Amino acid sequence: MKFNVKIPRHLKEAYKSELKDYRHCLLKNQYADAWYHLERSHIIGQSYPIEHTYSHWLMLRFGLMQKNTKEVFGQILRLVVGGWKSFINHVPLGNTGGANVPPLKRMPIPNDIEKLLDTK
């Protein structure tokens, strides 16, 4: 069984870039774009417990800010189970992490992210 602990440097850089873009959009009240970058950060970091959990934490905060009850409850559930599923390498690749999609549904990975994930 493979255990994931630390995100590789090239993925960490991409993950941080998405979070930077998220914050930038949030400051400009571009909420749809901000959410887009949160979803991308989730896809990049979902195989690593710290990054995966942090993406869900930010999604929870976003849901609270938007007063979106479904998102808030969905993120609480994901915060409880997401990190340990990353640790044991049992995540649905490509899943964008929002409460608008089933938590175990595999989804297509955007091409640019797929190339990053394929890079060792």
PDB file of N, CA and C in Angstrom:
ATOM      1  N   MET A   1       0.844  -1.176   0.000  1.00  0.00           N
ATOM      2  CA  MET A   1       0.000   0.000   0.000  1.00  0.00           C
ATOM      3  C   MET A   1       0.890   1.240   0.000  1.00  0.00           C
ATOM      4  N   LYS A   2       0.565   2.198  -0.841  1.00  0.00           N
ATOM      5  CA  LYS A   2       1.328   3.436  -0.928  1.00  0.00           C
ATOM      6  C   LYS A   2       0.722   4.476   0.019  1.00  0.00           C
ATOM      7  N   PHE A   3       1.584   5.123   0.810  1.00  0.00           N
ATOM      8  CA  PHE A   3       1.134   6.184   1.695  1.00  0.00           C
ATOM      9  C   PHE A   3       1.641   7.515   1.164  1.00  0.00           C
ATOM     10  N   ASN A   4       0.745   8.477   1.032  1.00  0.00           N
ATOM     11  CA  ASN A   4       1.121   9.809   0.566  1.00  0.00           C
ATOM     12  C   ASN A   4       1.277  10.729   1.767  1.00  0.00           C
ATOM     13  N   VAL A   5       2.426  11.370   1.839  1.00  0.00           N
ATOM     14  CA  VAL A   5       2.671  12.275   2.948  1.00  0.00           C
ATOM     15  C   VAL A   5       3.011  13.671   2.435  1.00  0.00           C
ATOM     16  N   LYS A   6       4.023  13.755   1.581  1.00  0.00           N
ATOM     17  CA  LYS A   6       4.523  15.058   1.143  1.00  0.00           C
ATOM     18  C   LYS A   6       4.304  15.244  -0.351  1.00  0.00           C
ATOM     19  N   ILE A   7       3.757  16.392  -0.698  1.00  0.00           N
ATOM     20  CA  ILE A   7       3.496  16.716  -2.096  1.00  0.00           C
ATOM     21  C   ILE A   7       4.822  17.043  -2.793  1.00  0.00           C
ATOM     22  N   PRO A   8       5.030  16.539  -4.014  1.00  0.00           N
ATOM     23  CA  PRO A   8       6.248  16.876  -4.762  1.00  0.00           C
ATOM     24  C   PRO A   8       6.332  18.383  -5.047  1.00  0.00           C
ATOM     25  N   ARG A   9       7.546  18.867  -5.161  1.00  0.00           N
ATOM     26  CA  ARG A   9       7.783  20.305  -5.319  1.00  0.00           C
ATOM     27  C   ARG A   9       7.021  20.906  -6.504  1.00  0.00           C
ATOM     28  N   HIS A  10       7.045  20.247  -7.662  1.00  0.00           N
ATOM     29  CA  HIS A  10       6.392  20.833  -8.840  1.00  0.00           C
ATOM     30  C   HIS A  10       4.874  20.919  -8.646  1.00  0.00           C
ATOM     31  N   LEU A  11       4.296  19.981  -7.918  1.00  0.00           N
ATOM     32  CA  LEU A  11       2.860  20.051  -7.631  1.00  0.00           C
ATOM     33  C   LEU A  11       2.572  21.112  -6.574  1.00  0.00           C
ATOM     34  N   LYS A  12       3.454  21.247  -5.609  1.00  0.00           N
ATOM     35  CA  LYS A  12       3.289  22.263  -4.566  1.00  0.00           C
ATOM     36  C   LYS A  12       3.272  23.656  -5.185  1.00  0.00           C
ATOM     37  N   GLU A  13       4.153  23.888  -6.156  1.00  0.00           N
ATOM     38  CA  GLU A  13       4.195  25.189  -6.824  1.00  0.00           C
ATOM     39  C   GLU A  13       2.891  25.457  -7.571  1.00  0.00           C
ATOM     40  N   ALA A  14       2.392  24.462  -8.285  1.00  0.00           N
ATOM     41  CA  ALA A  14       1.125  24.617  -9.016  1.00  0.00           C
ATOM     42  C   ALA A  14      -0.033  24.814  -8.043  1.00  0.00           C
ATOM     43  N   TYR A  15      -0.023  24.079  -6.951  1.00  0.00           N
ATOM     44  CA  TYR A  15      -1.059  24.187  -5.921  1.00  0.00           C
ATOM     45  C   TYR A  15      -1.084  25.608  -5.347  1.00  0.00           C
ATOM     46  N   LYS A  16       0.092  26.105  -4.978  1.00  0.00           N
ATOM     47  CA  LYS A  16       0.188  27.459  -4.427  1.00  0.00           C
ATOM     48  C   LYS A  16      -0.248  28.510  -5.441  1.00  0.00           C
ATOM     49  N   SER A  17       0.064  28.289  -6.703  1.00  0.00           N
ATOM     50  CA  SER A  17      -0.338  29.220  -7.752  1.00  0.00           C
ATOM     51  C   SER A  17      -1.863  29.301  -7.854  1.00  0.00           C
ATOM     52  N   GLU A  18      -2.524  28.156  -7.773  1.00  0.00           N
ATOM     53  CA  GLU A  18      -3.993  28.151  -7.814  1.00  0.00           C
ATOM     54  C   GLU A  18      -4.571  28.877  -6.601  1.00  0.00           C
ATOM     55  N   LEU A  19      -3.963  28.689  -5.437  1.00  0.00           N
ATOM     56  CA  LEU A  19      -4.454  29.376  -4.242  1.00  0.00           C
ATOM     57  C   LEU A  19      -4.223  30.879  -4.335  1.00  0.00           C
ATOM     58  N   LYS A  20      -3.111  31.269  -4.938  1.00  0.00           N
ATOM     59  CA  LYS A  20      -2.846  32.695  -5.149  1.00  0.00           C
ATOM     60  C   LYS A  20      -3.908  33.280  -6.079  1.00  0.00           C
ATOM     61  N   ASP A  21      -4.209  32.573  -7.162  1.00  0.00           N
ATOM     62  CA  ASP A  21      -5.240  33.038  -8.095  1.00  0.00           C
ATOM     63  C   ASP A  21      -6.609  33.083  -7.421  1.00  0.00           C
ATOM     64  N   TYR A  22      -6.878  32.106  -6.562  1.00  0.00           N
ATOM     65  CA  TYR A  22      -8.135  32.091  -5.800  1.00  0.00           C
ATOM     66  C   TYR A  22      -8.260  33.370  -4.970  1.00  0.00           C
ATOM     67  N   ARG A  23      -7.219  33.682  -4.220  1.00  0.00           N
ATOM     68  CA  ARG A  23      -7.254  34.863  -3.349  1.00  0.00           C
ATOM     69  C   ARG A  23      -7.385  36.148  -4.163  1.00  0.00           C
ATOM     70  N   HIS A  24      -6.689  36.206  -5.275  1.00  0.00           N
ATOM     71  CA  HIS A  24      -6.761  37.376  -6.149  1.00  0.00           C
ATOM     72  C   HIS A  24      -8.200  37.586  -6.640  1.00  0.00           C
ATOM     73  N   CYS A  25      -8.826  36.528  -7.107  1.00  0.00           N
ATOM     74  CA  CYS A  25     -10.213  36.620  -7.591  1.00  0.00           C
ATOM     75  C   CYS A  25     -11.168  36.978  -6.455  1.00  0.00           C
ATOM     76  N   LEU A  26     -10.923  36.431  -5.291  1.00  0.00           N
ATOM     77  CA  LEU A  26     -11.773  36.707  -4.138  1.00  0.00           C
ATOM     78  C   LEU A  26     -11.731  38.194  -3.787  1.00  0.00           C
ATOM     79  N   LEU A  27     -10.543  38.774  -3.808  1.00  0.00           N
ATOM     80  CA  LEU A  27     -10.398  40.199  -3.506  1.00  0.00           C
ATOM     81  C   LEU A  27     -11.140  41.075  -4.507  1.00  0.00           C
ATOM     82  N   LYS A  28     -11.278  40.582  -5.727  1.00  0.00           N
ATOM     83  CA  LYS A  28     -11.973  41.337  -6.775  1.00  0.00           C
ATOM     84  C   LYS A  28     -13.453  40.962  -6.871  1.00  0.00           C
ATOM     85  N   ASN A  29     -13.928  40.177  -5.894  1.00  0.00           N
ATOM     86  CA  ASN A  29     -15.326  39.714  -5.884  1.00  0.00           C
ATOM     87  C   ASN A  29     -15.691  38.912  -7.126  1.00  0.00           C
ATOM     88  N   GLN A  30     -14.717  38.240  -7.699  1.00  0.00           N
ATOM     89  CA  GLN A  30     -14.949  37.361  -8.853  1.00  0.00           C
ATOM     90  C   GLN A  30     -15.133  35.945  -8.309  1.00  0.00           C
ATOM     91  N   TYR A  31     -16.312  35.707  -7.760  1.00  0.00           N
ATOM     92  CA  TYR A  31     -16.543  34.480  -6.995  1.00  0.00           C
ATOM     93  C   TYR A  31     -16.527  33.216  -7.842  1.00  0.00           C
ATOM     94  N   ALA A  32     -17.068  33.264  -9.034  1.00  0.00           N
ATOM     95  CA  ALA A  32     -17.046  32.069  -9.896  1.00  0.00           C
ATOM     96  C   ALA A  32     -15.605  31.703 -10.255  1.00  0.00           C
ATOM     97  N   ASP A  33     -14.800  32.703 -10.558  1.00  0.00           N
ATOM     98  CA  ASP A  33     -13.392  32.443 -10.882  1.00  0.00           C
ATOM     99  C   ASP A  33     -12.625  31.970  -9.651  1.00  0.00           C
ATOM    100  N   ALA A  34     -12.943  32.539  -8.502  1.00  0.00           N
ATOM    101  CA  ALA A  34     -12.295  32.107  -7.259  1.00  0.00           C
ATOM    102  C   ALA A  34     -12.586  30.627  -7.010  1.00  0.00           C
ATOM    103  N   TRP A  35     -13.838  30.224  -7.181  1.00  0.00           N
ATOM    104  CA  TRP A  35     -14.220  28.826  -6.970  1.00  0.00           C
ATOM    105  C   TRP A  35     -13.503  27.912  -7.964  1.00  0.00           C
ATOM    106  N   TYR A  36     -13.390  28.364  -9.193  1.00  0.00           N
ATOM    107  CA  TYR A  36     -12.683  27.603 -10.231  1.00  0.00           C
ATOM    108  C   TYR A  36     -11.258  27.271  -9.769  1.00  0.00           C
ATOM    109  N   HIS A  37     -10.578  28.253  -9.203  1.00  0.00           N
ATOM    110  CA  HIS A  37      -9.200  28.032  -8.749  1.00  0.00           C
ATOM    111  C   HIS A  37      -9.149  27.142  -7.502  1.00  0.00           C
ATOM    112  N   LEU A  38     -10.162  27.223  -6.659  1.00  0.00           N
ATOM    113  CA  LEU A  38     -10.228  26.293  -5.521  1.00  0.00           C
ATOM    114  C   LEU A  38     -10.394  24.861  -6.009  1.00  0.00           C
ATOM    115  N   GLU A  39     -11.247  24.667  -7.000  1.00  0.00           N
ATOM    116  CA  GLU A  39     -11.434  23.324  -7.557  1.00  0.00           C
ATOM    117  C   GLU A  39     -10.127  22.793  -8.139  1.00  0.00           C
ATOM    118  N   ARG A  40      -9.407  23.646  -8.835  1.00  0.00           N
ATOM    119  CA  ARG A  40      -8.135  23.224  -9.419  1.00  0.00           C
ATOM    120  C   ARG A  40      -7.110  22.901  -8.325  1.00  0.00           C
ATOM    121  N   SER A  41      -7.101  23.682  -7.267  1.00  0.00           N
ATOM    122  CA  SER A  41      -6.183  23.373  -6.158  1.00  0.00           C
ATOM    123  C   SER A  41      -6.539  22.020  -5.555  1.00  0.00           C
ATOM    124  N   HIS A  42      -7.822  21.723  -5.494  1.00  0.00           N
ATOM    125  CA  HIS A  42      -8.261  20.436  -4.953  1.00  0.00           C
ATOM    126  C   HIS A  42      -7.773  19.289  -5.825  1.00  0.00           C
ATOM    127  N   ILE A  43      -7.914  19.424  -7.127  1.00  0.00           N
ATOM    128  CA  ILE A  43      -7.480  18.358  -8.041  1.00  0.00           C
ATOM    129  C   ILE A  43      -5.974  18.119  -7.890  1.00  0.00           C
ATOM    130  N   ILE A  44      -5.211  19.192  -7.826  1.00  0.00           N
ATOM    131  CA  ILE A  44      -3.752  19.067  -7.717  1.00  0.00           C
ATOM    132  C   ILE A  44      -3.343  18.453  -6.379  1.00  0.00           C
ATOM    133  N   GLY A  45      -3.991  18.871  -5.305  1.00  0.00           N
ATOM    134  CA  GLY A  45      -3.558  18.460  -3.976  1.00  0.00           C
ATOM    135  C   GLY A  45      -4.291  17.285  -3.367  1.00  0.00           C
ATOM    136  N   GLN A  46      -5.275  16.730  -4.074  1.00  0.00           N
ATOM    137  CA  GLN A  46      -6.137  15.736  -3.435  1.00  0.00           C
ATOM    138  C   GLN A  46      -5.439  14.440  -3.035  1.00  0.00           C
ATOM    139  N   SER A  47      -4.292  14.154  -3.565  1.00  0.00           N
ATOM    140  CA  SER A  47      -3.580  12.929  -3.177  1.00  0.00           C
ATOM    141  C   SER A  47      -2.661  13.132  -1.975  1.00  0.00           C
ATOM    142  N   TYR A  48      -2.650  14.328  -1.413  1.00  0.00           N
ATOM    143  CA  TYR A  48      -1.747  14.659  -0.318  1.00  0.00           C
ATOM    144  C   TYR A  48      -2.556  15.235   0.845  1.00  0.00           C
ATOM    145  N   PRO A  49      -2.485  14.626   2.024  1.00  0.00           N
ATOM    146  CA  PRO A  49      -3.391  14.964   3.126  1.00  0.00           C
ATOM    147  C   PRO A  49      -3.446  16.442   3.512  1.00  0.00           C
ATOM    148  N   ILE A  50      -2.316  17.093   3.624  1.00  0.00           N
ATOM    149  CA  ILE A  50      -2.316  18.491   4.069  1.00  0.00           C
ATOM    150  C   ILE A  50      -2.980  19.384   3.028  1.00  0.00           C
ATOM    151  N   GLU A  51      -2.561  19.262   1.796  1.00  0.00           N
ATOM    152  CA  GLU A  51      -3.115  20.107   0.732  1.00  0.00           C
ATOM    153  C   GLU A  51      -4.588  19.784   0.489  1.00  0.00           C
ATOM    154  N   HIS A  52      -4.932  18.512   0.527  1.00  0.00           N
ATOM    155  CA  HIS A  52      -6.320  18.099   0.317  1.00  0.00           C
ATOM    156  C   HIS A  52      -7.224  18.700   1.400  1.00  0.00           C
ATOM    157  N   THR A  53      -6.799  18.554   2.636  1.00  0.00           N
ATOM    158  CA  THR A  53      -7.587  19.081   3.753  1.00  0.00           C
ATOM    159  C   THR A  53      -7.686  20.597   3.677  1.00  0.00           C
ATOM    160  N   TYR A  54      -6.593  21.257   3.329  1.00  0.00           N
ATOM    161  CA  TYR A  54      -6.609  22.718   3.249  1.00  0.00           C
ATOM    162  C   TYR A  54      -7.540  23.201   2.140  1.00  0.00           C
ATOM    163  N   SER A  55      -7.563  22.513   1.012  1.00  0.00           N
ATOM    164  CA  SER A  55      -8.500  22.886  -0.060  1.00  0.00           C
ATOM    165  C   SER A  55      -9.939  22.808   0.445  1.00  0.00           C
ATOM    166  N   HIS A  56     -10.253  21.745   1.178  1.00  0.00           N
ATOM    167  CA  HIS A  56     -11.615  21.618   1.713  1.00  0.00           C
ATOM    168  C   HIS A  56     -11.898  22.669   2.785  1.00  0.00           C
ATOM    169  N   TRP A  57     -10.892  23.023   3.565  1.00  0.00           N
ATOM    170  CA  TRP A  57     -11.062  24.081   4.555  1.00  0.00           C
ATOM    171  C   TRP A  57     -11.420  25.397   3.856  1.00  0.00           C
ATOM    172  N   LEU A  58     -10.704  25.708   2.786  1.00  0.00           N
ATOM    173  CA  LEU A  58     -11.003  26.939   2.050  1.00  0.00           C
ATOM    174  C   LEU A  58     -12.374  26.870   1.393  1.00  0.00           C
ATOM    175  N   MET A  59     -12.759  25.690   0.914  1.00  0.00           N
ATOM    176  CA  MET A  59     -14.094  25.527   0.330  1.00  0.00           C
ATOM    177  C   MET A  59     -15.179  25.716   1.391  1.00  0.00           C
ATOM    178  N   LEU A  60     -14.923  25.239   2.597  1.00  0.00           N
ATOM    179  CA  LEU A  60     -15.863  25.459   3.697  1.00  0.00           C
ATOM    180  C   LEU A  60     -15.999  26.952   3.980  1.00  0.00           C
ATOM    181  N   ARG A  61     -14.887  27.637   4.081  1.00  0.00           N
ATOM    182  CA  ARG A  61     -14.921  29.086   4.335  1.00  0.00           C
ATOM    183  C   ARG A  61     -15.637  29.826   3.211  1.00  0.00           C
ATOM    184  N   PHE A  62     -15.390  29.393   1.972  1.00  0.00           N
ATOM    185  CA  PHE A  62     -16.062  30.002   0.825  1.00  0.00           C
ATOM    186  C   PHE A  62     -17.573  29.774   0.932  1.00  0.00           C
ATOM    187  N   GLY A  63     -17.976  28.550   1.276  1.00  0.00           N
ATOM    188  CA  GLY A  63     -19.395  28.241   1.447  1.00  0.00           C
ATOM    189  C   GLY A  63     -20.035  29.099   2.522  1.00  0.00           C
ATOM    190  N   LEU A  64     -19.327  29.302   3.625  1.00  0.00           N
ATOM    191  CA  LEU A  64     -19.833  30.170   4.689  1.00  0.00           C
ATOM    192  C   LEU A  64     -19.981  31.601   4.197  1.00  0.00           C
ATOM    193  N   MET A  65     -18.982  32.078   3.485  1.00  0.00           N
ATOM    194  CA  MET A  65     -19.014  33.438   2.964  1.00  0.00           C
ATOM    195  C   MET A  65     -20.185  33.629   1.993  1.00  0.00           C
ATOM    196  N   GLN A  66     -20.466  32.597   1.202  1.00  0.00           N
ATOM    197  CA  GLN A  66     -21.550  32.664   0.222  1.00  0.00           C
ATOM    198  C   GLN A  66     -22.905  32.295   0.835  1.00  0.00           C
ATOM    199  N   LYS A  67     -22.899  31.924   2.111  1.00  0.00           N
ATOM    200  CA  LYS A  67     -24.113  31.479   2.811  1.00  0.00           C
ATOM    201  C   LYS A  67     -24.770  30.308   2.086  1.00  0.00           C
ATOM    202  N   ASN A  68     -23.925  29.379   1.644  1.00  0.00           N
ATOM    203  CA  ASN A  68     -24.370  28.208   0.892  1.00  0.00           C
ATOM    204  C   ASN A  68     -24.379  27.004   1.841  1.00  0.00           C
ATOM    205  N   THR A  69     -25.555  26.709   2.378  1.00  0.00           N
ATOM    206  CA  THR A  69     -25.695  25.645   3.372  1.00  0.00           C
ATOM    207  C   THR A  69     -25.259  24.292   2.832  1.00  0.00           C
ATOM    208  N   LYS A  70     -25.636  23.980   1.600  1.00  0.00           N
ATOM    209  CA  LYS A  70     -25.259  22.693   1.006  1.00  0.00           C
ATOM    210  C   LYS A  70     -23.736  22.556   0.953  1.00  0.00           C
ATOM    211  N   GLU A  71     -23.068  23.617   0.548  1.00  0.00           N
ATOM    212  CA  GLU A  71     -21.602  23.584   0.458  1.00  0.00           C
ATOM    213  C   GLU A  71     -20.978  23.425   1.839  1.00  0.00           C
ATOM    214  N   VAL A  72     -21.496  24.150   2.802  1.00  0.00           N
ATOM    215  CA  VAL A  72     -20.952  24.079   4.161  1.00  0.00           C
ATOM    216  C   VAL A  72     -21.046  22.656   4.701  1.00  0.00           C
ATOM    217  N   PHE A  73     -22.217  22.053   4.630  1.00  0.00           N
ATOM    218  CA  PHE A  73     -22.367  20.690   5.146  1.00  0.00           C
ATOM    219  C   PHE A  73     -21.549  19.685   4.335  1.00  0.00           C
ATOM    220  N   GLY A  74     -21.510  19.882   3.027  1.00  0.00           N
ATOM    221  CA  GLY A  74     -20.706  18.996   2.185  1.00  0.00           C
ATOM    222  C   GLY A  74     -19.230  19.072   2.521  1.00  0.00           C
ATOM    223  N   GLN A  75     -18.753  20.264   2.823  1.00  0.00           N
ATOM    224  CA  GLN A  75     -17.334  20.427   3.151  1.00  0.00           C
ATOM    225  C   GLN A  75     -17.002  19.883   4.536  1.00  0.00           C
ATOM    226  N   ILE A  76     -17.935  19.983   5.457  1.00  0.00           N
ATOM    227  CA  ILE A  76     -17.697  19.392   6.779  1.00  0.00           C
ATOM    228  C   ILE A  76     -17.490  17.887   6.636  1.00  0.00           C
ATOM    229  N   LEU A  77     -18.339  17.243   5.859  1.00  0.00           N
ATOM    230  CA  LEU A  77     -18.186  15.805   5.605  1.00  0.00           C
ATOM    231  C   LEU A  77     -16.830  15.511   4.967  1.00  0.00           C
ATOM    232  N   ARG A  78     -16.459  16.299   3.976  1.00  0.00           N
ATOM    233  CA  ARG A  78     -15.205  16.071   3.266  1.00  0.00           C
ATOM    234  C   ARG A  78     -13.990  16.330   4.159  1.00  0.00           C
ATOM    235  N   LEU A  79     -14.107  17.290   5.060  1.00  0.00           N
ATOM    236  CA  LEU A  79     -13.004  17.547   5.993  1.00  0.00           C
ATOM    237  C   LEU A  79     -12.781  16.367   6.936  1.00  0.00           C
ATOM    238  N   VAL A  80     -13.851  15.689   7.299  1.00  0.00           N
ATOM    239  CA  VAL A  80     -13.739  14.551   8.209  1.00  0.00           C
ATOM    240  C   VAL A  80     -13.011  13.381   7.552  1.00  0.00           C
ATOM    241  N   VAL A  81     -13.282  13.127   6.268  1.00  0.00           N
ATOM    242  CA  VAL A  81     -12.731  11.918   5.637  1.00  0.00           C
ATOM    243  C   VAL A  81     -11.645  12.171   4.591  1.00  0.00           C
ATOM    244  N   GLY A  82     -11.561  13.372   4.060  1.00  0.00           N
ATOM    245  CA  GLY A  82     -10.663  13.622   2.934  1.00  0.00           C
ATOM    246  C   GLY A  82      -9.191  13.383   3.198  1.00  0.00           C
ATOM    247  N   GLY A  83      -8.680  13.896   4.307  1.00  0.00           N
ATOM    248  CA  GLY A  83      -7.252  13.788   4.581  1.00  0.00           C
ATOM    249  C   GLY A  83      -6.761  12.360   4.714  1.00  0.00           C
ATOM    250  N   TRP A  84      -7.491  11.547   5.450  1.00  0.00           N
ATOM    251  CA  TRP A  84      -7.016  10.165   5.627  1.00  0.00           C
ATOM    252  C   TRP A  84      -7.137   9.369   4.347  1.00  0.00           C
ATOM    253  N   LYS A  85      -8.122   9.708   3.490  1.00  0.00           N
ATOM    254  CA  LYS A  85      -8.226   9.007   2.203  1.00  0.00           C
ATOM    255  C   LYS A  85      -7.025   9.368   1.322  1.00  0.00           C
ATOM    256  N   SER A  86      -6.545  10.593   1.439  1.00  0.00           N
ATOM    257  CA  SER A  86      -5.338  10.992   0.704  1.00  0.00           C
ATOM    258  C   SER A  86      -4.137  10.204   1.194  1.00  0.00           C
ATOM    259  N   PHE A  87      -4.026  10.097   2.498  1.00  0.00           N
ATOM    260  CA  PHE A  87      -2.884   9.409   3.100  1.00  0.00           C
ATOM    261  C   PHE A  87      -2.763   7.976   2.589  1.00  0.00           C
ATOM    262  N   ILE A  88      -3.898   7.281   2.447  1.00  0.00           N
ATOM    263  CA  ILE A  88      -3.855   5.887   1.984  1.00  0.00           C
ATOM    264  C   ILE A  88      -4.015   5.782   0.468  1.00  0.00           C
ATOM    265  N   ASN A  89      -3.947   6.937  -0.213  1.00  0.00           N
ATOM    266  CA  ASN A  89      -3.988   6.979  -1.678  1.00  0.00           C
ATOM    267  C   ASN A  89      -5.286   6.389  -2.241  1.00  0.00           C
ATOM    268  N   HIS A  90      -6.398   6.804  -1.647  1.00  0.00           N
ATOM    269  CA  HIS A  90      -7.703   6.314  -2.087  1.00  0.00           C
ATOM    270  C   HIS A  90      -8.610   7.514  -2.367  1.00  0.00           C
ATOM    271  N   VAL A  91      -8.293   8.246  -3.441  1.00  0.00           N
ATOM    272  CA  VAL A  91      -9.088   9.416  -3.810  1.00  0.00           C
ATOM    273  C   VAL A  91      -9.609   9.251  -5.233  1.00  0.00           C
ATOM    274  N   PRO A  92     -10.778   9.823  -5.517  1.00  0.00           N
ATOM    275  CA  PRO A  92     -11.311   9.778  -6.879  1.00  0.00           C
ATOM    276  C   PRO A  92     -10.630  10.860  -7.726  1.00  0.00           C
ATOM    277  N   LEU A  93      -9.665  10.477  -8.508  1.00  0.00           N
ATOM    278  CA  LEU A  93      -8.879  11.448  -9.273  1.00  0.00           C
ATOM    279  C   LEU A  93      -9.773  12.339 -10.121  1.00  0.00           C
ATOM    280  N   GLY A  94      -9.409  13.609 -10.162  1.00  0.00           N
ATOM    281  CA  GLY A  94     -10.133  14.578 -10.961  1.00  0.00           C
ATOM    282  C   GLY A  94     -11.309  15.208 -10.254  1.00  0.00           C
ATOM    283  N   ASN A  95     -11.732  14.637  -9.140  1.00  0.00           N
ATOM    284  CA  ASN A  95     -12.883  15.174  -8.418  1.00  0.00           C
ATOM    285  C   ASN A  95     -12.572  16.600  -7.992  1.00  0.00           C
ATOM    286  N   THR A  96     -13.510  17.508  -8.250  1.00  0.00           N
ATOM    287  CA  THR A  96     -13.271  18.928  -8.000  1.00  0.00           C
ATOM    288  C   THR A  96     -13.506  19.348  -6.551  1.00  0.00           C
ATOM    289  N   GLY A  97     -14.079  18.469  -5.735  1.00  0.00           N
ATOM    290  CA  GLY A  97     -14.140  18.710  -4.302  1.00  0.00           C
ATOM    291  C   GLY A  97     -15.333  19.460  -3.762  1.00  0.00           C
ATOM    292  N   GLY A  98     -16.154  20.025  -4.621  1.00  0.00           N
ATOM    293  CA  GLY A  98     -17.309  20.773  -4.140  1.00  0.00           C
ATOM    294  C   GLY A  98     -18.471  19.869  -3.774  1.00  0.00           C
ATOM    295  N   ALA A  99     -19.400  20.412  -3.013  1.00  0.00           N
ATOM    296  CA  ALA A  99     -20.583  19.654  -2.607  1.00  0.00           C
ATOM    297  C   ALA A  99     -21.542  19.439  -3.777  1.00  0.00           C
ATOM    298  N   ASN A 100     -21.270  20.066  -4.900  1.00  0.00           N
ATOM    299  CA  ASN A 100     -22.112  19.894  -6.088  1.00  0.00           C
ATOM    300  C   ASN A 100     -21.784  18.617  -6.858  1.00  0.00           C
ATOM    301  N   VAL A 101     -20.771  17.874  -6.411  1.00  0.00           N
ATOM    302  CA  VAL A 101     -20.427  16.589  -7.042  1.00  0.00           C
ATOM    303  C   VAL A 101     -20.302  15.521  -5.955  1.00  0.00           C
ATOM    304  N   PRO A 102     -20.648  14.276  -6.271  1.00  0.00           N
ATOM    305  CA  PRO A 102     -20.493  13.205  -5.279  1.00  0.00           C
ATOM    306  C   PRO A 102     -19.028  13.081  -4.851  1.00  0.00           C
ATOM    307  N   PRO A 103     -18.778  12.886  -3.555  1.00  0.00           N
ATOM    308  CA  PRO A 103     -17.400  12.867  -3.061  1.00  0.00           C
ATOM    309  C   PRO A 103     -16.524  11.751  -3.620  1.00  0.00           C
ATOM    310  N   LEU A 104     -17.108  10.676  -4.102  1.00  0.00           N
ATOM    311  CA  LEU A 104     -16.301   9.560  -4.603  1.00  0.00           C
ATOM    312  C   LEU A 104     -16.307   9.451  -6.124  1.00  0.00           C
ATOM    313  N   LYS A 105     -16.825  10.461  -6.801  1.00  0.00           N
ATOM    314  CA  LYS A 105     -16.924  10.419  -8.264  1.00  0.00           C
ATOM    315  C   LYS A 105     -15.600  10.824  -8.913  1.00  0.00           C
ATOM    316  N   ARG A 106     -15.078   9.935  -9.756  1.00  0.00           N
ATOM    317  CA  ARG A 106     -13.912  10.290 -10.581  1.00  0.00           C
ATOM    318  C   ARG A 106     -14.392  11.226 -11.678  1.00  0.00           C
ATOM    319  N   MET A 107     -13.548  12.182 -12.024  1.00  0.00           N
ATOM    320  CA  MET A 107     -13.906  13.164 -13.043  1.00  0.00           C
ATOM    321  C   MET A 107     -12.716  13.360 -13.977  1.00  0.00           C
ATOM    322  N   PRO A 108     -12.996  13.861 -15.182  1.00  0.00           N
ATOM    323  CA  PRO A 108     -11.881  14.144 -16.097  1.00  0.00           C
ATOM    324  C   PRO A 108     -10.941  15.186 -15.478  1.00  0.00           C
ATOM    325  N   ILE A 109      -9.669  14.977 -15.687  1.00  0.00           N
ATOM    326  CA  ILE A 109      -8.660  15.908 -15.180  1.00  0.00           C
ATOM    327  C   ILE A 109      -8.316  16.885 -16.302  1.00  0.00           C
ATOM    328  N   PRO A 110      -8.330  18.200 -16.017  1.00  0.00           N
ATOM    329  CA  PRO A 110      -7.925  19.157 -17.046  1.00  0.00           C
ATOM    330  C   PRO A 110      -6.537  18.800 -17.592  1.00  0.00           C
ATOM    331  N   ASN A 111      -6.358  18.996 -18.892  1.00  0.00           N
ATOM    332  CA  ASN A 111      -5.119  18.577 -19.567  1.00  0.00           C
ATOM    333  C   ASN A 111      -3.852  19.117 -18.910  1.00  0.00           C
ATOM    334  N   ASP A 112      -3.853  20.407 -18.554  1.00  0.00           N
ATOM    335  CA  ASP A 112      -2.639  20.980 -17.965  1.00  0.00           C
ATOM    336  C   ASP A 112      -2.323  20.351 -16.609  1.00  0.00           C
ATOM    337  N   ILE A 113      -3.345  20.046 -15.839  1.00  0.00           N
ATOM    338  CA  ILE A 113      -3.120  19.404 -14.541  1.00  0.00           C
ATOM    339  C   ILE A 113      -2.703  17.951 -14.733  1.00  0.00           C
ATOM    340  N   GLU A 114      -3.292  17.287 -15.706  1.00  0.00           N
ATOM    341  CA  GLU A 114      -2.919  15.893 -15.977  1.00  0.00           C
ATOM    342  C   GLU A 114      -1.438  15.787 -16.325  1.00  0.00           C
ATOM    343  N   LYS A 115      -0.943  16.745 -17.108  1.00  0.00           N
ATOM    344  CA  LYS A 115       0.488  16.748 -17.450  1.00  0.00           C
ATOM    345  C   LYS A 115       1.343  16.921 -16.196  1.00  0.00           C
ATOM    346  N   LEU A 116       0.907  17.792 -15.287  1.00  0.00           N
ATOM    347  CA  LEU A 116       1.630  17.977 -14.025  1.00  0.00           C
ATOM    348  C   LEU A 116       1.647  16.696 -13.199  1.00  0.00           C
ATOM    349  N   LEU A 117       0.505  16.041 -13.122  1.00  0.00           N
ATOM    350  CA  LEU A 117       0.396  14.827 -12.313  1.00  0.00           C
ATOM    351  C   LEU A 117       1.216  13.688 -12.895  1.00  0.00           C
ATOM    352  N   ASP A 118       1.394  13.697 -14.218  1.00  0.00           N
ATOM    353  CA  ASP A 118       2.184  12.655 -14.877  1.00  0.00           C
ATOM    354  C   ASP A 118       3.683  12.888 -14.747  1.00  0.00           C
ATOM    355  N   THR A 119       4.085  14.110 -14.389  1.00  0.00           N
ATOM    356  CA  THR A 119       5.497  14.455 -14.241  1.00  0.00           C
ATOM    357  C   THR A 119       5.993  13.964 -12.892  1.00  0.00           C
ATOM    358  N   LYS A 120       7.089  13.248 -12.908  1.00  0.00           N
ATOM    359  CA  LYS A 120       7.651  12.729 -11.643  1.00  0.00           C
ATOM    360  C   LYS A 120       8.709  13.657 -11.126  1.00  0.00           C
TER     361      LYS A 120
END
